[in-house]
Amino acid sequence: MTQGRDERRENYRHRLAIPTRWMDNDVYRHVNNVVYYSYFDTVVNEYLMKAGVLDYDEGEVIGFVVETTCQYHRPLRFPDVVDAMLRVAHLGNSSVRYEIALFRQGDDEPAATGHFVHVYVRRPELRPTPLPAGLRTALERITAR
């Protein structure tokens, strides 16, 4: 995320509504920090599956997470519904940097912002490989403008 950037929903290219669960809350009565990373993972992989470019069981090319960050701005709580917003910030030869913002439905300010980097590898060697054409096309559709 660019420091000081105005993070609004319309700056993102894909949205997934994720209901919080009772078990997401911690003893402080808000969603525990580790759950935010689960929301990040969910919106990224839901987009890839919906686009038809992720076959986690049999796919020849798979993405490994090599970096994640999350900045927490305001708490989420059960029974909030989270709008997980997604865009691609950078497409490399074998990697992609996703940016994610989590908004409580109805809020204009994000509860959290962060990023997630995948490096794509070919099975079974697990060595970096260029992004397949179909994957690159799907990622270009949600690349930030």
Protein backbone atom coordinates (compact mmCIF):
# COMPACT_ATOMS: atom_id res chain seq x y z
CA MET A 1 0.00 0.00 0.00
CA THR A 2 1.22 3.42 -0.80
CA GLN A 3 1.55 5.41 2.41
CA GLY A 4 -1.08 8.14 2.70
CA ARG A 5 -3.10 6.86 -0.26
CA ASP A 6 -6.84 7.43 -0.16
CA GLU A 7 -8.21 3.90 0.28
CA ARG A 8 -11.76 3.76 -1.00
CA ARG A 9 -13.80 0.84 -2.25
CA GLU A 10 -13.80 2.17 -5.80
CA ASN A 11 -9.99 1.88 -5.90
CA TYR A 12 -10.38 -1.91 -5.94
CA ARG A 13 -11.45 -4.13 -8.81
CA HIS A 14 -13.03 -7.16 -7.06
CA ARG A 15 -15.26 -7.54 -3.99
CA LEU A 16 -16.18 -10.55 -1.90
CA ALA A 17 -18.60 -10.34 1.04
CA ILE A 18 -17.37 -12.50 3.93
CA PRO A 19 -19.56 -12.93 7.03
CA THR A 20 -17.66 -12.98 10.29
CA ARG A 21 -18.24 -15.96 12.55
CA TRP A 22 -18.74 -16.15 16.30
CA MET A 23 -15.44 -18.01 16.61
CA ASP A 24 -13.57 -15.18 14.81
CA ASN A 25 -13.92 -12.99 17.90
CA ASP A 26 -11.26 -13.16 20.57
CA VAL A 27 -11.46 -12.44 24.29
CA TYR A 28 -11.39 -8.71 23.53
CA ARG A 29 -14.66 -9.10 21.58
CA HIS A 30 -13.27 -8.27 18.16
CA VAL A 31 -12.01 -10.34 15.25
CA ASN A 32 -8.58 -11.69 16.11
CA ASN A 33 -5.68 -10.41 14.02
CA VAL A 34 -4.85 -13.80 12.49
CA VAL A 35 -8.35 -14.04 10.99
CA TYR A 36 -7.66 -10.97 8.82
CA TYR A 37 -5.01 -13.00 6.97
CA SER A 38 -7.63 -15.69 6.38
CA TYR A 39 -9.88 -13.06 4.79
CA PHE A 40 -6.96 -11.99 2.56
CA ASP A 41 -6.32 -15.58 1.49
CA THR A 42 -10.04 -16.15 0.88
CA VAL A 43 -10.59 -13.15 -1.42
CA VAL A 44 -7.46 -13.90 -3.48
CA ASN A 45 -8.21 -17.59 -3.97
CA GLU A 46 -11.95 -17.03 -4.53
CA TYR A 47 -11.09 -14.62 -7.35
CA LEU A 48 -8.60 -17.06 -8.92
CA MET A 49 -11.06 -19.97 -8.70
CA LYS A 50 -13.93 -17.89 -10.09
CA ALA A 51 -11.67 -16.79 -12.97
CA GLY A 52 -10.90 -20.47 -13.69
CA VAL A 53 -7.14 -20.13 -13.18
CA LEU A 54 -6.65 -21.98 -9.88
CA ASP A 55 -6.76 -25.75 -9.67
CA TYR A 56 -5.21 -26.35 -6.27
CA ASP A 57 -5.48 -30.16 -6.56
CA GLU A 58 -4.15 -30.83 -10.05
CA GLY A 59 -2.82 -27.51 -11.37
CA GLU A 60 0.58 -27.62 -13.03
CA VAL A 61 1.38 -24.12 -11.69
CA ILE A 62 0.60 -23.06 -8.12
CA GLY A 63 1.14 -19.88 -6.14
CA PHE A 64 3.17 -19.81 -2.92
CA VAL A 65 2.71 -16.96 -0.49
CA VAL A 66 6.10 -15.35 0.13
CA GLU A 67 5.06 -12.12 1.85
CA THR A 68 2.06 -10.65 3.64
CA THR A 69 1.41 -7.50 5.61
CA CYS A 70 -1.62 -6.11 7.37
CA GLN A 71 -2.27 -2.72 8.89
CA TYR A 72 -5.17 -2.65 11.32
CA HIS A 73 -7.21 0.56 11.34
CA ARG A 74 -10.41 -0.28 13.26
CA PRO A 75 -11.85 -3.46 14.76
CA LEU A 76 -14.28 -5.86 13.15
CA ARG A 77 -16.71 -7.87 15.29
CA PHE A 78 -19.15 -10.70 14.88
CA PRO A 79 -21.78 -10.39 13.34
CA ASP A 80 -20.18 -7.89 10.90
CA VAL A 81 -20.06 -8.71 7.22
CA VAL A 82 -16.71 -7.82 5.66
CA ASP A 83 -16.32 -6.53 2.13
CA ALA A 84 -12.93 -7.88 1.10
CA MET A 85 -11.70 -5.68 -1.72
CA LEU A 86 -8.94 -6.86 -4.07
CA ARG A 87 -6.67 -5.43 -6.74
CA VAL A 88 -3.34 -6.35 -8.30
CA ALA A 89 -0.64 -3.77 -7.65
CA HIS A 90 2.21 -5.44 -9.57
CA LEU A 91 2.57 -8.27 -12.08
CA GLY A 92 6.05 -9.69 -12.43
CA ASN A 93 7.35 -12.54 -14.55
CA SER A 94 6.56 -15.21 -11.93
CA SER A 95 5.00 -13.18 -9.12
CA VAL A 96 2.03 -10.99 -8.31
CA ARG A 97 1.43 -8.50 -5.53
CA TYR A 98 -2.20 -8.28 -4.45
CA GLU A 99 -3.50 -5.40 -2.35
CA ILE A 100 -6.48 -6.00 -0.12
CA ALA A 101 -8.70 -3.73 1.94
CA LEU A 102 -11.26 -5.02 4.42
CA PHE A 103 -14.32 -2.84 4.98
CA ARG A 104 -17.17 -3.47 7.39
CA GLN A 105 -20.26 -3.38 5.19
CA GLY A 106 -21.66 0.12 5.31
CA ASP A 107 -18.37 1.77 6.34
CA ASP A 108 -16.41 4.10 4.08
CA GLU A 109 -13.12 3.65 5.93
CA PRO A 110 -11.24 0.34 5.78
CA ALA A 111 -10.85 -1.75 8.90
CA ALA A 112 -7.57 -3.11 7.54
CA THR A 113 -5.32 -2.80 4.50
CA GLY A 114 -2.47 -4.99 3.39
CA HIS A 115 -0.81 -6.97 0.66
CA PHE A 116 -0.12 -10.54 -0.30
CA VAL A 117 2.62 -11.72 -2.71
CA HIS A 118 2.40 -14.99 -4.63
CA VAL A 119 5.35 -16.53 -6.46
CA TYR A 120 4.16 -19.06 -9.00
CA VAL A 121 6.00 -22.37 -9.23
CA ARG A 122 5.69 -25.45 -11.41
CA ARG A 123 4.93 -28.76 -9.74
CA PRO A 124 6.77 -30.95 -8.81
CA GLU A 125 10.05 -28.98 -9.06
CA LEU A 126 8.66 -26.08 -6.99
CA ARG A 127 10.83 -23.63 -8.91
CA PRO A 128 9.54 -20.20 -10.05
CA THR A 129 7.92 -20.24 -13.47
CA PRO A 130 6.46 -17.52 -15.70
CA LEU A 131 2.79 -16.76 -15.12
CA PRO A 132 0.65 -18.78 -17.55
CA ALA A 133 -1.18 -16.64 -20.15
CA GLY A 134 -4.65 -17.33 -18.72
CA LEU A 135 -3.56 -16.40 -15.21
CA ARG A 136 -1.88 -13.21 -16.43
CA THR A 137 -5.06 -12.22 -18.30
CA ALA A 138 -7.20 -12.82 -15.19
CA LEU A 139 -4.81 -10.76 -13.05
CA GLU A 140 -4.69 -7.92 -15.58
CA ARG A 141 -8.49 -7.58 -15.20
CA ILE A 142 -8.07 -6.53 -11.58
CA THR A 143 -4.82 -4.57 -11.92
CA ALA A 144 -4.97 -1.13 -10.28
CA ARG A 145 -5.20 1.77 -12.68
